[in-house]
Amino acid sequence: MTIMTFEQHILRIVARTEPEVPASFYNGTLFYRCAESQSRRIFSNLMQDQAGRVQISMVGEEYAVDFVAEKPQQISTSEDFDYVYYSC
């Protein structure tokens, strides 16, 4: 059994959604060139797979998709006060 990398997993989603659209990764960003309607289908499937942690933009004539990490819950304290702030 082989372990699929994140990039392989994402490229497989793109290929299943729009088989004729070539896609590749560069520095952690997914790039592909296609019609807007095809991009909408790809983006929708990526959003579902990644629980909404996806951002898309245009770079020239290509779509660039970045995957955003889930923010960890942060606890900040203040030395001026006797209480702790908890962010949700």
N, C-alpha and C. Protein backbone atom coordinates (compact mmCIF):
# COMPACT_ATOMS: atom_id res chain seq x y z
N MET A 1 0.85 -1.18 0.00
CA MET A 1 0.00 0.00 0.00
C MET A 1 0.89 1.24 0.00
N THR A 2 0.58 2.18 -0.87
CA THR A 2 1.37 3.40 -0.94
C THR A 2 0.65 4.53 -0.22
N ILE A 3 1.43 5.43 0.30
CA ILE A 3 0.87 6.60 0.96
C ILE A 3 0.82 7.73 -0.05
N MET A 4 -0.36 8.30 -0.22
CA MET A 4 -0.53 9.37 -1.17
C MET A 4 -0.16 10.71 -0.52
N THR A 5 0.68 11.48 -1.19
CA THR A 5 1.03 12.79 -0.67
C THR A 5 -0.15 13.74 -0.87
N PHE A 6 -0.09 14.84 -0.16
CA PHE A 6 -1.14 15.86 -0.29
C PHE A 6 -1.29 16.31 -1.73
N GLU A 7 -0.16 16.61 -2.38
CA GLU A 7 -0.21 17.09 -3.75
C GLU A 7 -0.80 16.05 -4.70
N GLN A 8 -0.45 14.79 -4.51
CA GLN A 8 -1.03 13.73 -5.35
C GLN A 8 -2.53 13.64 -5.13
N HIS A 9 -2.95 13.77 -3.89
CA HIS A 9 -4.38 13.73 -3.57
C HIS A 9 -5.12 14.86 -4.29
N ILE A 10 -4.58 16.06 -4.23
CA ILE A 10 -5.22 17.22 -4.87
C ILE A 10 -5.23 17.06 -6.39
N LEU A 11 -4.13 16.62 -6.97
CA LEU A 11 -4.08 16.43 -8.42
C LEU A 11 -5.07 15.36 -8.87
N ARG A 12 -5.29 14.35 -8.05
CA ARG A 12 -6.27 13.32 -8.37
C ARG A 12 -7.69 13.91 -8.38
N ILE A 13 -7.97 14.81 -7.45
CA ILE A 13 -9.29 15.47 -7.42
C ILE A 13 -9.49 16.28 -8.69
N VAL A 14 -8.46 17.03 -9.09
CA VAL A 14 -8.56 17.83 -10.32
C VAL A 14 -8.80 16.91 -11.52
N ALA A 15 -8.04 15.83 -11.61
CA ALA A 15 -8.16 14.90 -12.75
C ALA A 15 -9.53 14.23 -12.79
N ARG A 16 -10.08 13.90 -11.63
CA ARG A 16 -11.41 13.28 -11.60
C ARG A 16 -12.50 14.29 -11.98
N THR A 17 -12.29 15.55 -11.61
CA THR A 17 -13.29 16.59 -11.87
C THR A 17 -13.27 17.02 -13.33
N GLU A 18 -12.08 17.32 -13.83
CA GLU A 18 -11.91 17.79 -15.21
C GLU A 18 -10.68 17.09 -15.80
N PRO A 19 -10.86 15.90 -16.35
CA PRO A 19 -9.72 15.09 -16.83
C PRO A 19 -8.83 15.77 -17.87
N GLU A 20 -9.39 16.68 -18.66
CA GLU A 20 -8.61 17.30 -19.73
C GLU A 20 -7.83 18.53 -19.28
N VAL A 21 -7.98 18.94 -18.02
CA VAL A 21 -7.28 20.13 -17.52
C VAL A 21 -5.95 19.73 -16.89
N PRO A 22 -4.83 20.17 -17.49
CA PRO A 22 -3.53 19.88 -16.89
C PRO A 22 -3.32 20.75 -15.65
N ALA A 23 -2.81 20.16 -14.61
CA ALA A 23 -2.58 20.89 -13.36
C ALA A 23 -1.23 20.48 -12.80
N SER A 24 -0.61 21.41 -12.09
CA SER A 24 0.67 21.11 -11.46
C SER A 24 0.86 22.00 -10.23
N PHE A 25 1.78 21.59 -9.39
CA PHE A 25 2.12 22.35 -8.20
C PHE A 25 3.46 23.04 -8.40
N TYR A 26 3.56 24.24 -7.86
CA TYR A 26 4.82 24.96 -7.80
C TYR A 26 4.87 25.68 -6.46
N ASN A 27 5.85 25.37 -5.65
CA ASN A 27 6.01 25.97 -4.32
C ASN A 27 4.74 25.88 -3.47
N GLY A 28 4.06 24.77 -3.55
CA GLY A 28 2.88 24.55 -2.72
C GLY A 28 1.59 25.12 -3.27
N THR A 29 1.65 25.78 -4.41
CA THR A 29 0.46 26.36 -5.04
C THR A 29 0.07 25.51 -6.24
N LEU A 30 -1.21 25.22 -6.35
CA LEU A 30 -1.74 24.47 -7.49
C LEU A 30 -2.04 25.45 -8.62
N PHE A 31 -1.57 25.13 -9.82
CA PHE A 31 -1.83 25.95 -11.00
C PHE A 31 -2.54 25.12 -12.06
N TYR A 32 -3.52 25.74 -12.71
CA TYR A 32 -4.16 25.11 -13.87
C TYR A 32 -4.75 26.18 -14.75
N ARG A 33 -4.93 25.84 -16.03
CA ARG A 33 -5.48 26.77 -17.01
C ARG A 33 -6.68 26.09 -17.67
N CYS A 34 -7.83 26.75 -17.59
CA CYS A 34 -9.05 26.18 -18.18
C CYS A 34 -10.12 27.26 -18.24
N ALA A 35 -11.29 26.87 -18.73
CA ALA A 35 -12.43 27.78 -18.78
C ALA A 35 -12.94 28.03 -17.36
N GLU A 36 -13.60 29.17 -17.18
CA GLU A 36 -14.11 29.52 -15.85
C GLU A 36 -15.07 28.48 -15.31
N SER A 37 -15.92 27.93 -16.16
CA SER A 37 -16.88 26.93 -15.69
C SER A 37 -16.17 25.68 -15.17
N GLN A 38 -15.08 25.30 -15.83
CA GLN A 38 -14.31 24.15 -15.36
C GLN A 38 -13.62 24.47 -14.03
N SER A 39 -13.09 25.68 -13.94
CA SER A 39 -12.43 26.09 -12.70
C SER A 39 -13.40 26.10 -11.53
N ARG A 40 -14.62 26.53 -11.78
CA ARG A 40 -15.63 26.54 -10.71
C ARG A 40 -15.89 25.13 -10.19
N ARG A 41 -15.96 24.15 -11.08
CA ARG A 41 -16.17 22.76 -10.65
C ARG A 41 -14.97 22.24 -9.85
N ILE A 42 -13.77 22.53 -10.35
CA ILE A 42 -12.57 22.11 -9.64
C ILE A 42 -12.52 22.76 -8.26
N PHE A 43 -12.72 24.06 -8.21
CA PHE A 43 -12.65 24.79 -6.95
C PHE A 43 -13.70 24.29 -5.96
N SER A 44 -14.89 24.02 -6.45
CA SER A 44 -15.96 23.51 -5.58
C SER A 44 -15.57 22.18 -4.94
N ASN A 45 -15.02 21.28 -5.74
CA ASN A 45 -14.60 19.98 -5.21
C ASN A 45 -13.43 20.11 -4.23
N LEU A 46 -12.51 21.02 -4.52
CA LEU A 46 -11.40 21.24 -3.60
C LEU A 46 -11.89 21.85 -2.28
N MET A 47 -12.83 22.77 -2.36
CA MET A 47 -13.40 23.38 -1.15
C MET A 47 -14.05 22.31 -0.27
N GLN A 48 -14.80 21.42 -0.89
CA GLN A 48 -15.45 20.36 -0.13
C GLN A 48 -14.42 19.43 0.50
N ASP A 49 -13.42 19.07 -0.26
CA ASP A 49 -12.41 18.14 0.23
C ASP A 49 -11.56 18.75 1.35
N GLN A 50 -11.29 20.03 1.26
CA GLN A 50 -10.40 20.70 2.22
C GLN A 50 -11.17 21.52 3.26
N ALA A 51 -12.44 21.27 3.41
CA ALA A 51 -13.27 21.95 4.43
C ALA A 51 -13.17 23.47 4.34
N GLY A 52 -13.16 23.99 3.12
CA GLY A 52 -13.18 25.43 2.92
C GLY A 52 -11.84 26.13 3.07
N ARG A 53 -10.78 25.41 3.30
CA ARG A 53 -9.48 26.05 3.51
C ARG A 53 -8.71 26.17 2.18
N VAL A 54 -9.36 26.85 1.23
CA VAL A 54 -8.80 26.99 -0.11
C VAL A 54 -9.00 28.43 -0.57
N GLN A 55 -7.97 28.99 -1.19
CA GLN A 55 -8.07 30.34 -1.77
C GLN A 55 -7.66 30.26 -3.23
N ILE A 56 -8.39 30.98 -4.08
CA ILE A 56 -8.09 30.94 -5.51
C ILE A 56 -7.87 32.36 -6.01
N SER A 57 -6.96 32.47 -6.99
CA SER A 57 -6.71 33.76 -7.63
C SER A 57 -6.26 33.51 -9.06
N MET A 58 -6.20 34.57 -9.82
CA MET A 58 -5.71 34.48 -11.19
C MET A 58 -4.28 35.00 -11.24
N VAL A 59 -3.43 34.26 -11.94
CA VAL A 59 -2.06 34.69 -12.19
C VAL A 59 -1.89 34.61 -13.70
N GLY A 60 -1.95 35.75 -14.33
CA GLY A 60 -1.96 35.76 -15.80
C GLY A 60 -3.24 35.09 -16.28
N GLU A 61 -3.08 34.05 -17.07
CA GLU A 61 -4.24 33.31 -17.58
C GLU A 61 -4.47 32.01 -16.81
N GLU A 62 -3.71 31.79 -15.74
CA GLU A 62 -3.83 30.57 -14.95
C GLU A 62 -4.55 30.84 -13.64
N TYR A 63 -5.21 29.80 -13.17
CA TYR A 63 -5.78 29.85 -11.82
C TYR A 63 -4.71 29.35 -10.86
N ALA A 64 -4.58 30.03 -9.74
CA ALA A 64 -3.64 29.64 -8.69
C ALA A 64 -4.45 29.34 -7.44
N VAL A 65 -4.26 28.15 -6.90
CA VAL A 65 -5.02 27.73 -5.71
C VAL A 65 -4.04 27.48 -4.57
N ASP A 66 -4.29 28.18 -3.46
CA ASP A 66 -3.48 27.99 -2.26
C ASP A 66 -4.33 27.31 -1.20
N PHE A 67 -3.68 26.50 -0.41
CA PHE A 67 -4.33 25.74 0.64
C PHE A 67 -3.92 26.32 1.98
N VAL A 68 -4.92 26.76 2.74
CA VAL A 68 -4.68 27.50 3.97
C VAL A 68 -4.80 26.54 5.15
N ALA A 69 -3.81 26.58 6.01
CA ALA A 69 -3.81 25.71 7.19
C ALA A 69 -4.88 26.17 8.17
N GLU A 70 -5.39 25.23 8.91
CA GLU A 70 -6.36 25.53 9.94
C GLU A 70 -5.65 26.28 11.06
N LYS A 71 -6.25 27.36 11.51
CA LYS A 71 -5.63 28.16 12.57
C LYS A 71 -5.77 27.45 13.91
N PRO A 72 -4.66 27.31 14.63
CA PRO A 72 -4.78 26.72 15.97
C PRO A 72 -5.42 27.73 16.92
N GLN A 73 -6.08 27.22 17.93
CA GLN A 73 -6.69 28.10 18.91
C GLN A 73 -5.57 28.77 19.70
N GLN A 74 -5.63 30.08 19.78
CA GLN A 74 -4.59 30.83 20.46
C GLN A 74 -5.10 31.38 21.78
N ILE A 75 -4.23 31.36 22.75
CA ILE A 75 -4.55 31.94 24.05
C ILE A 75 -3.56 33.07 24.27
N SER A 76 -4.10 34.25 24.51
CA SER A 76 -3.22 35.38 24.78
C SER A 76 -3.46 35.89 26.18
N THR A 77 -2.40 36.27 26.83
CA THR A 77 -2.52 36.80 28.19
C THR A 77 -2.08 38.25 28.19
N SER A 78 -2.52 38.96 29.17
CA SER A 78 -2.15 40.35 29.32
C SER A 78 -1.50 40.53 30.68
N GLU A 79 -0.34 41.12 30.71
CA GLU A 79 0.34 41.35 31.98
C GLU A 79 -0.30 42.48 32.77
N ASP A 80 -1.09 43.31 32.08
CA ASP A 80 -1.72 44.45 32.74
C ASP A 80 -2.95 44.07 33.54
N PHE A 81 -3.50 42.88 33.28
CA PHE A 81 -4.74 42.49 33.92
C PHE A 81 -4.58 41.10 34.55
N ASP A 82 -5.48 40.77 35.43
CA ASP A 82 -5.42 39.48 36.12
C ASP A 82 -6.29 38.44 35.47
N TYR A 83 -6.53 38.50 34.18
CA TYR A 83 -7.34 37.50 33.51
C TYR A 83 -6.73 37.12 32.18
N VAL A 84 -7.24 36.07 31.61
CA VAL A 84 -6.73 35.54 30.36
C VAL A 84 -7.81 35.67 29.31
N TYR A 85 -7.42 36.07 28.09
CA TYR A 85 -8.34 36.14 26.96
C TYR A 85 -8.29 34.81 26.23
N TYR A 86 -9.43 34.26 25.94
CA TYR A 86 -9.52 33.03 25.15
C TYR A 86 -10.20 33.39 23.84
N SER A 87 -9.60 33.03 22.76
CA SER A 87 -10.24 33.28 21.46
C SER A 87 -10.89 31.99 20.99
N CYS A 88 -12.06 32.13 20.39
CA CYS A 88 -12.81 30.96 19.92
C CYS A 88 -12.68 30.80 18.44
